[in-house]
């Protein structure tokens, strides 16, 4: 996939939950995390291979070759984490 403009593609990281962990209430949910797989030509902050934090409601879920990806605008990111 090759996104256009300021769009990017993220491969979501499955949520971690250990035994006995209490789930947070919706009003205090943690940001979602994933790896940036592809970026459009107008992306200025995110880079391929970085981890990204984003809202659970950000972007659009797309299935491609059996995997689920999130397609979103760069401005929907909370932060990126360099590897």
PDB file of N, CA and C in Angstrom:
ATOM      1  N   UNK A   1       0.845  -1.181   0.000  1.00  0.00           N
ATOM      2  CA  UNK A   1       0.000   0.000   0.000  1.00  0.00           C
ATOM      3  C   UNK A   1       0.887   1.239   0.000  1.00  0.00           C
ATOM      4  N   UNK A   2       0.487   2.214  -0.760  1.00  0.00           N
ATOM      5  CA  UNK A   2       1.210   3.473  -0.824  1.00  0.00           C
ATOM      6  C   UNK A   2       0.216   4.609  -0.567  1.00  0.00           C
ATOM      7  N   UNK A   3       0.216   5.157   0.666  1.00  0.00           N
ATOM      8  CA  UNK A   3      -0.730   6.230   0.978  1.00  0.00           C
ATOM      9  C   UNK A   3      -0.405   7.525   0.241  1.00  0.00           C
ATOM     10  N   UNK A   4      -1.414   8.374   0.116  1.00  0.00           N
ATOM     11  CA  UNK A   4      -1.244   9.667  -0.548  1.00  0.00           C
ATOM     12  C   UNK A   4      -1.259  10.792   0.484  1.00  0.00           C
ATOM     13  N   UNK A   5      -0.762  11.952   0.083  1.00  0.00           N
ATOM     14  CA  UNK A   5      -0.761  13.187   0.897  1.00  0.00           C
ATOM     15  C   UNK A   5      -0.165  12.938   2.276  1.00  0.00           C
ATOM     16  N   UNK A   6      -0.889  13.344   3.338  1.00  0.00           N
ATOM     17  CA  UNK A   6      -0.365  13.212   4.704  1.00  0.00           C
ATOM     18  C   UNK A   6      -0.919  11.973   5.406  1.00  0.00           C
ATOM     19  N   UNK A   7      -1.268  10.964   4.646  1.00  0.00           N
ATOM     20  CA  UNK A   7      -1.830   9.731   5.207  1.00  0.00           C
ATOM     21  C   UNK A   7      -0.716   8.742   5.531  1.00  0.00           C
ATOM     22  N   UNK A   8      -1.013   7.846   6.471  1.00  0.00           N
ATOM     23  CA  UNK A   8      -0.064   6.791   6.788  1.00  0.00           C
ATOM     24  C   UNK A   8      -0.801   5.509   7.103  1.00  0.00           C
ATOM     25  N   UNK A   9      -0.070   4.394   7.046  1.00  0.00           N
ATOM     26  CA  UNK A   9      -0.623   3.076   7.313  1.00  0.00           C
ATOM     27  C   UNK A   9       0.066   2.526   8.553  1.00  0.00           C
ATOM     28  N   UNK A  10      -0.737   2.057   9.505  1.00  0.00           N
ATOM     29  CA  UNK A  10      -0.215   1.514  10.759  1.00  0.00           C
ATOM     30  C   UNK A  10      -0.669   0.077  10.922  1.00  0.00           C
ATOM     31  N   UNK A  11       0.264  -0.778  11.340  1.00  0.00           N
ATOM     32  CA  UNK A  11      -0.053  -2.157  11.710  1.00  0.00           C
ATOM     33  C   UNK A  11      -0.245  -2.148  13.223  1.00  0.00           C
ATOM     34  N   UNK A  12      -1.497  -2.306  13.692  1.00  0.00           N
ATOM     35  CA  UNK A  12      -1.751  -2.221  15.132  1.00  0.00           C
ATOM     36  C   UNK A  12      -1.041  -3.330  15.910  1.00  0.00           C
ATOM     37  N   UNK A  13      -0.572  -2.983  17.104  1.00  0.00           N
ATOM     38  CA  UNK A  13      -0.002  -3.956  18.021  1.00  0.00           C
ATOM     39  C   UNK A  13      -1.144  -4.518  18.845  1.00  0.00           C
ATOM     40  N   UNK A  14      -1.246  -5.844  18.969  1.00  0.00           N
ATOM     41  CA  UNK A  14      -2.332  -6.404  19.785  1.00  0.00           C
ATOM     42  C   UNK A  14      -2.238  -5.902  21.222  1.00  0.00           C
ATOM     43  N   UNK A  15      -3.377  -5.619  21.853  1.00  0.00           N
ATOM     44  CA  UNK A  15      -3.351  -5.119  23.231  1.00  0.00           C
ATOM     45  C   UNK A  15      -2.769  -6.154  24.180  1.00  0.00           C
ATOM     46  N   UNK A  16      -1.978  -5.680  25.140  1.00  0.00           N
ATOM     47  CA  UNK A  16      -1.383  -6.565  26.145  1.00  0.00           C
ATOM     48  C   UNK A  16      -2.307  -6.589  27.350  1.00  0.00           C
ATOM     49  N   UNK A  17      -2.596  -7.789  27.831  1.00  0.00           N
ATOM     50  CA  UNK A  17      -3.406  -7.904  29.035  1.00  0.00           C
ATOM     51  C   UNK A  17      -2.935  -9.131  29.800  1.00  0.00           C
ATOM     52  N   UNK A  18      -2.432  -8.913  30.968  1.00  0.00           N
ATOM     53  CA  UNK A  18      -1.983 -10.019  31.790  1.00  0.00           C
ATOM     54  C   UNK A  18      -3.140 -10.526  32.640  1.00  0.00           C
ATOM     55  N   UNK A  19      -2.969 -11.699  33.213  1.00  0.00           N
ATOM     56  CA  UNK A  19      -4.014 -12.264  34.065  1.00  0.00           C
ATOM     57  C   UNK A  19      -4.253 -11.360  35.256  1.00  0.00           C
ATOM     58  N   UNK A  20      -5.499 -11.162  35.599  1.00  0.00           N
ATOM     59  CA  UNK A  20      -5.834 -10.359  36.756  1.00  0.00           C
ATOM     60  C   UNK A  20      -5.797  -8.859  36.520  1.00  0.00           C
ATOM     61  N   UNK A  21      -5.439  -8.425  35.323  1.00  0.00           N
ATOM     62  CA  UNK A  21      -5.390  -6.987  35.038  1.00  0.00           C
ATOM     63  C   UNK A  21      -6.810  -6.436  34.965  1.00  0.00           C
ATOM     64  N   UNK A  22      -7.013  -5.295  35.544  1.00  0.00           N
ATOM     65  CA  UNK A  22      -8.327  -4.658  35.504  1.00  0.00           C
ATOM     66  C   UNK A  22      -8.393  -3.783  34.264  1.00  0.00           C
ATOM     67  N   UNK A  23      -9.447  -3.944  33.484  1.00  0.00           N
ATOM     68  CA  UNK A  23      -9.616  -3.122  32.283  1.00  0.00           C
ATOM     69  C   UNK A  23     -10.005  -1.707  32.681  1.00  0.00           C
ATOM     70  N   UNK A  24      -9.468  -0.726  31.969  1.00  0.00           N
ATOM     71  CA  UNK A  24      -9.781   0.673  32.243  1.00  0.00           C
ATOM     72  C   UNK A  24     -11.173   1.008  31.726  1.00  0.00           C
ATOM     73  N   UNK A  25     -11.808   1.948  32.370  1.00  0.00           N
ATOM     74  CA  UNK A  25     -13.100   2.420  31.897  1.00  0.00           C
ATOM     75  C   UNK A  25     -12.915   3.169  30.596  1.00  0.00           C
ATOM     76  N   UNK A  26     -13.945   3.229  29.783  1.00  0.00           N
ATOM     77  CA  UNK A  26     -13.849   3.887  28.484  1.00  0.00           C
ATOM     78  C   UNK A  26     -13.335   5.319  28.587  1.00  0.00           C
ATOM     79  N   UNK A  27     -13.720   6.026  29.610  1.00  0.00           N
ATOM     80  CA  UNK A  27     -13.320   7.424  29.722  1.00  0.00           C
ATOM     81  C   UNK A  27     -11.824   7.584  29.980  1.00  0.00           C
ATOM     82  N   UNK A  28     -11.135   6.501  30.348  1.00  0.00           N
ATOM     83  CA  UNK A  28      -9.710   6.600  30.651  1.00  0.00           C
ATOM     84  C   UNK A  28      -8.913   5.553  29.875  1.00  0.00           C
ATOM     85  N   UNK A  29      -9.302   5.270  28.663  1.00  0.00           N
ATOM     86  CA  UNK A  29      -8.611   4.268  27.875  1.00  0.00           C
ATOM     87  C   UNK A  29      -7.226   4.736  27.474  1.00  0.00           C
ATOM     88  N   UNK A  30      -6.334   3.783  27.375  1.00  0.00           N
ATOM     89  CA  UNK A  30      -4.978   4.070  26.936  1.00  0.00           C
ATOM     90  C   UNK A  30      -4.966   4.257  25.426  1.00  0.00           C
ATOM     91  N   UNK A  31      -3.994   5.009  24.923  1.00  0.00           N
ATOM     92  CA  UNK A  31      -3.887   5.149  23.469  1.00  0.00           C
ATOM     93  C   UNK A  31      -3.525   3.808  22.832  1.00  0.00           C
ATOM     94  N   UNK A  32      -3.899   3.639  21.604  1.00  0.00           N
ATOM     95  CA  UNK A  32      -3.553   2.445  20.838  1.00  0.00           C
ATOM     96  C   UNK A  32      -2.121   2.589  20.340  1.00  0.00           C
ATOM     97  N   UNK A  33      -1.490   1.469  20.077  1.00  0.00           N
ATOM     98  CA  UNK A  33      -0.097   1.483  19.617  1.00  0.00           C
ATOM     99  C   UNK A  33       0.035   0.609  18.375  1.00  0.00           C
ATOM    100  N   UNK A  34       0.934   1.011  17.483  1.00  0.00           N
ATOM    101  CA  UNK A  34       1.188   0.230  16.284  1.00  0.00           C
ATOM    102  C   UNK A  34       2.471   0.670  15.606  1.00  0.00           C
ATOM    103  N   UNK A  35       2.825  -0.038  14.544  1.00  0.00           N
ATOM    104  CA  UNK A  35       4.042   0.280  13.794  1.00  0.00           C
ATOM    105  C   UNK A  35       3.677   0.963  12.486  1.00  0.00           C
ATOM    106  N   UNK A  36       4.386   2.046  12.167  1.00  0.00           N
ATOM    107  CA  UNK A  36       4.157   2.758  10.909  1.00  0.00           C
ATOM    108  C   UNK A  36       4.733   1.894   9.776  1.00  0.00           C
ATOM    109  N   UNK A  37       3.881   1.490   8.857  1.00  0.00           N
ATOM    110  CA  UNK A  37       4.261   0.604   7.750  1.00  0.00           C
ATOM    111  C   UNK A  37       4.562   1.395   6.479  1.00  0.00           C
ATOM    112  N   UNK A  38       3.783   2.442   6.230  1.00  0.00           N
ATOM    113  CA  UNK A  38       3.961   3.247   5.018  1.00  0.00           C
ATOM    114  C   UNK A  38       3.501   4.671   5.293  1.00  0.00           C
ATOM    115  N   UNK A  39       4.132   5.633   4.616  1.00  0.00           N
ATOM    116  CA  UNK A  39       3.753   7.043   4.767  1.00  0.00           C
ATOM    117  C   UNK A  39       3.567   7.684   3.402  1.00  0.00           C
ATOM    118  N   UNK A  40       2.705   8.695   3.375  1.00  0.00           N
ATOM    119  CA  UNK A  40       2.500   9.461   2.153  1.00  0.00           C
ATOM    120  C   UNK A  40       3.599  10.503   1.977  1.00  0.00           C
ATOM    121  N   UNK A  41       3.678  11.113   0.806  1.00  0.00           N
ATOM    122  CA  UNK A  41       4.744  12.065   0.511  1.00  0.00           C
ATOM    123  C   UNK A  41       4.711  13.347   1.347  1.00  0.00           C
ATOM    124  N   UNK A  42       3.557  13.684   1.930  1.00  0.00           N
ATOM    125  CA  UNK A  42       3.450  14.914   2.722  1.00  0.00           C
ATOM    126  C   UNK A  42       3.617  14.697   4.224  1.00  0.00           C
ATOM    127  N   UNK A  43       3.934  13.486   4.664  1.00  0.00           N
ATOM    128  CA  UNK A  43       4.165  13.227   6.091  1.00  0.00           C
ATOM    129  C   UNK A  43       5.488  13.846   6.503  1.00  0.00           C
ATOM    130  N   UNK A  44       5.469  14.580   7.602  1.00  0.00           N
ATOM    131  CA  UNK A  44       6.669  15.292   8.039  1.00  0.00           C
ATOM    132  C   UNK A  44       7.240  14.764   9.346  1.00  0.00           C
ATOM    133  N   UNK A  45       6.439  14.080  10.149  1.00  0.00           N
ATOM    134  CA  UNK A  45       6.889  13.647  11.465  1.00  0.00           C
ATOM    135  C   UNK A  45       7.129  12.135  11.511  1.00  0.00           C
ATOM    136  N   UNK A  46       6.140  11.369  11.089  1.00  0.00           N
ATOM    137  CA  UNK A  46       6.228   9.908  11.179  1.00  0.00           C
ATOM    138  C   UNK A  46       7.192   9.347  10.140  1.00  0.00           C
ATOM    139  N   UNK A  47       7.870   8.275  10.551  1.00  0.00           N
ATOM    140  CA  UNK A  47       8.796   7.578   9.654  1.00  0.00           C
ATOM    141  C   UNK A  47       8.475   6.087   9.681  1.00  0.00           C
ATOM    142  N   UNK A  48       8.694   5.415   8.573  1.00  0.00           N
ATOM    143  CA  UNK A  48       8.452   3.982   8.479  1.00  0.00           C
ATOM    144  C   UNK A  48       9.314   3.266   9.517  1.00  0.00           C
ATOM    145  N   UNK A  49       8.701   2.329  10.239  1.00  0.00           N
ATOM    146  CA  UNK A  49       9.407   1.549  11.240  1.00  0.00           C
ATOM    147  C   UNK A  49       9.245   2.064  12.664  1.00  0.00           C
ATOM    148  N   UNK A  50       8.790   3.303  12.830  1.00  0.00           N
ATOM    149  CA  UNK A  50       8.583   3.845  14.168  1.00  0.00           C
ATOM    150  C   UNK A  50       7.299   3.295  14.767  1.00  0.00           C
ATOM    151  N   UNK A  51       7.233   3.308  16.098  1.00  0.00           N
ATOM    152  CA  UNK A  51       5.981   2.993  16.772  1.00  0.00           C
ATOM    153  C   UNK A  51       5.171   4.277  16.848  1.00  0.00           C
ATOM    154  N   UNK A  52       3.854   4.143  16.810  1.00  0.00           N
ATOM    155  CA  UNK A  52       2.975   5.305  16.850  1.00  0.00           C
ATOM    156  C   UNK A  52       1.889   5.089  17.889  1.00  0.00           C
ATOM    157  N   UNK A  53       1.504   6.173  18.574  1.00  0.00           N
ATOM    158  CA  UNK A  53       0.390   6.163  19.511  1.00  0.00           C
ATOM    159  C   UNK A  53      -0.748   6.969  18.902  1.00  0.00           C
ATOM    160  N   UNK A  54      -1.966   6.431  18.988  1.00  0.00           N
ATOM    161  CA  UNK A  54      -3.122   7.079  18.373  1.00  0.00           C
ATOM    162  C   UNK A  54      -4.387   6.699  19.127  1.00  0.00           C
ATOM    163  N   UNK A  55      -5.445   7.455  18.919  1.00  0.00           N
ATOM    164  CA  UNK A  55      -6.733   7.206  19.552  1.00  0.00           C
ATOM    165  C   UNK A  55      -7.376   5.946  18.978  1.00  0.00           C
ATOM    166  N   UNK A  56      -8.146   5.268  19.810  1.00  0.00           N
ATOM    167  CA  UNK A  56      -8.844   4.058  19.371  1.00  0.00           C
ATOM    168  C   UNK A  56      -9.791   4.358  18.204  1.00  0.00           C
ATOM    169  N   UNK A  57     -10.312   5.566  18.141  1.00  0.00           N
ATOM    170  CA  UNK A  57     -11.269   5.935  17.102  1.00  0.00           C
ATOM    171  C   UNK A  57     -10.619   6.579  15.878  1.00  0.00           C
ATOM    172  N   UNK A  58      -9.308   6.674  15.844  1.00  0.00           N
ATOM    173  CA  UNK A  58      -8.613   7.340  14.737  1.00  0.00           C
ATOM    174  C   UNK A  58      -8.581   6.452  13.501  1.00  0.00           C
ATOM    175  N   UNK A  59      -8.668   7.076  12.358  1.00  0.00           N
ATOM    176  CA  UNK A  59      -8.464   6.395  11.093  1.00  0.00           C
ATOM    177  C   UNK A  59      -9.546   5.411  10.693  1.00  0.00           C
ATOM    178  N   UNK A  60      -9.218   4.635   9.670  1.00  0.00           N
ATOM    179  CA  UNK A  60     -10.120   3.644   9.108  1.00  0.00           C
ATOM    180  C   UNK A  60      -9.410   2.309   9.057  1.00  0.00           C
ATOM    181  N   UNK A  61     -10.079   1.267   9.537  1.00  0.00           N
ATOM    182  CA  UNK A  61      -9.488  -0.062   9.501  1.00  0.00           C
ATOM    183  C   UNK A  61      -9.632  -0.644   8.100  1.00  0.00           C
ATOM    184  N   UNK A  62      -8.518  -1.169   7.578  1.00  0.00           N
ATOM    185  CA  UNK A  62      -8.484  -1.737   6.230  1.00  0.00           C
ATOM    186  C   UNK A  62      -7.846  -3.117   6.321  1.00  0.00           C
ATOM    187  N   UNK A  63      -8.447  -4.096   5.660  1.00  0.00           N
ATOM    188  CA  UNK A  63      -7.854  -5.424   5.624  1.00  0.00           C
ATOM    189  C   UNK A  63      -7.168  -5.612   4.274  1.00  0.00           C
ATOM    190  N   UNK A  64      -5.906  -6.058   4.324  1.00  0.00           N
ATOM    191  CA  UNK A  64      -5.114  -6.237   3.107  1.00  0.00           C
ATOM    192  C   UNK A  64      -4.266  -7.488   3.281  1.00  0.00           C
ATOM    193  N   UNK A  65      -4.396  -8.424   2.367  1.00  0.00           N
ATOM    194  CA  UNK A  65      -3.651  -9.683   2.388  1.00  0.00           C
ATOM    195  C   UNK A  65      -3.753 -10.382   3.738  1.00  0.00           C
ATOM    196  N   UNK A  66      -4.951 -10.401   4.303  1.00  0.00           N
ATOM    197  CA  UNK A  66      -5.204 -11.117   5.536  1.00  0.00           C
ATOM    198  C   UNK A  66      -4.808 -10.417   6.820  1.00  0.00           C
ATOM    199  N   UNK A  67      -4.293  -9.196   6.746  1.00  0.00           N
ATOM    200  CA  UNK A  67      -3.907  -8.439   7.941  1.00  0.00           C
ATOM    201  C   UNK A  67      -4.746  -7.174   8.036  1.00  0.00           C
ATOM    202  N   UNK A  68      -5.007  -6.738   9.270  1.00  0.00           N
ATOM    203  CA  UNK A  68      -5.755  -5.500   9.496  1.00  0.00           C
ATOM    204  C   UNK A  68      -4.782  -4.349   9.717  1.00  0.00           C
ATOM    205  N   UNK A  69      -5.014  -3.253   9.018  1.00  0.00           N
ATOM    206  CA  UNK A  69      -4.197  -2.047   9.130  1.00  0.00           C
ATOM    207  C   UNK A  69      -5.099  -0.878   9.464  1.00  0.00           C
ATOM    208  N   UNK A  70      -4.515   0.186   9.996  1.00  0.00           N
ATOM    209  CA  UNK A  70      -5.235   1.435  10.228  1.00  0.00           C
ATOM    210  C   UNK A  70      -4.662   2.472   9.256  1.00  0.00           C
ATOM    211  N   UNK A  71      -5.548   3.093   8.493  1.00  0.00           N
ATOM    212  CA  UNK A  71      -5.193   4.123   7.515  1.00  0.00           C
ATOM    213  C   UNK A  71      -5.659   5.447   8.097  1.00  0.00           C
ATOM    214  N   UNK A  72      -4.740   6.394   8.358  1.00  0.00           N
ATOM    215  CA  UNK A  72      -5.115   7.646   9.022  1.00  0.00           C
ATOM    216  C   UNK A  72      -4.268   8.822   8.571  1.00  0.00           C
ATOM    217  N   UNK A  73      -4.705  10.008   8.960  1.00  0.00           N
ATOM    218  CA  UNK A  73      -3.919  11.231   8.728  1.00  0.00           C
ATOM    219  C   UNK A  73      -2.823  11.317   9.779  1.00  0.00           C
ATOM    220  N   UNK A  74      -1.713  11.901   9.393  1.00  0.00           N
ATOM    221  CA  UNK A  74      -0.604  12.061  10.326  1.00  0.00           C
ATOM    222  C   UNK A  74      -1.027  12.889  11.542  1.00  0.00           C
ATOM    223  N   UNK A  75      -1.904  13.848  11.358  1.00  0.00           N
ATOM    224  CA  UNK A  75      -2.355  14.704  12.467  1.00  0.00           C
ATOM    225  C   UNK A  75      -3.170  13.938  13.515  1.00  0.00           C
ATOM    226  N   UNK A  76      -3.613  12.712  13.217  1.00  0.00           N
ATOM    227  CA  UNK A  76      -4.351  11.892  14.182  1.00  0.00           C
ATOM    228  C   UNK A  76      -3.441  11.185  15.178  1.00  0.00           C
ATOM    229  N   UNK A  77      -2.128  11.254  14.964  1.00  0.00           N
ATOM    230  CA  UNK A  77      -1.182  10.618  15.886  1.00  0.00           C
ATOM    231  C   UNK A  77      -1.024  11.450  17.152  1.00  0.00           C
ATOM    232  N   UNK A  78      -0.857  10.774  18.290  1.00  0.00           N
ATOM    233  CA  UNK A  78      -0.510  11.448  19.539  1.00  0.00           C
ATOM    234  C   UNK A  78       0.997  11.646  19.604  1.00  0.00           C
ATOM    235  N   UNK A  79       1.736  10.590  19.211  1.00  0.00           N
ATOM    236  CA  UNK A  79       3.199  10.625  19.319  1.00  0.00           C
ATOM    237  C   UNK A  79       3.802   9.492  18.483  1.00  0.00           C
ATOM    238  N   UNK A  80       5.086   9.634  18.166  1.00  0.00           N
ATOM    239  CA  UNK A  80       5.833   8.542  17.549  1.00  0.00           C
ATOM    240  C   UNK A  80       7.003   8.200  18.469  1.00  0.00           C
ATOM    241  N   UNK A  81       7.416   6.947  18.433  1.00  0.00           N
ATOM    242  CA  UNK A  81       8.510   6.466  19.283  1.00  0.00           C
ATOM    243  C   UNK A  81       9.554   5.852  18.381  1.00  0.00           C
ATOM    244  N   UNK A  82      10.750   6.426  18.378  1.00  0.00           N
ATOM    245  CA  UNK A  82      11.831   5.891  17.544  1.00  0.00           C
ATOM    246  C   UNK A  82      12.314   4.574  18.123  1.00  0.00           C
ATOM    247  N   UNK A  83      12.693   3.682  17.235  1.00  0.00           N
ATOM    248  CA  UNK A  83      13.232   2.391  17.682  1.00  0.00           C
ATOM    249  C   UNK A  83      14.683   2.515  18.041  1.00  0.00           C
TER     250      UNK A  83
END
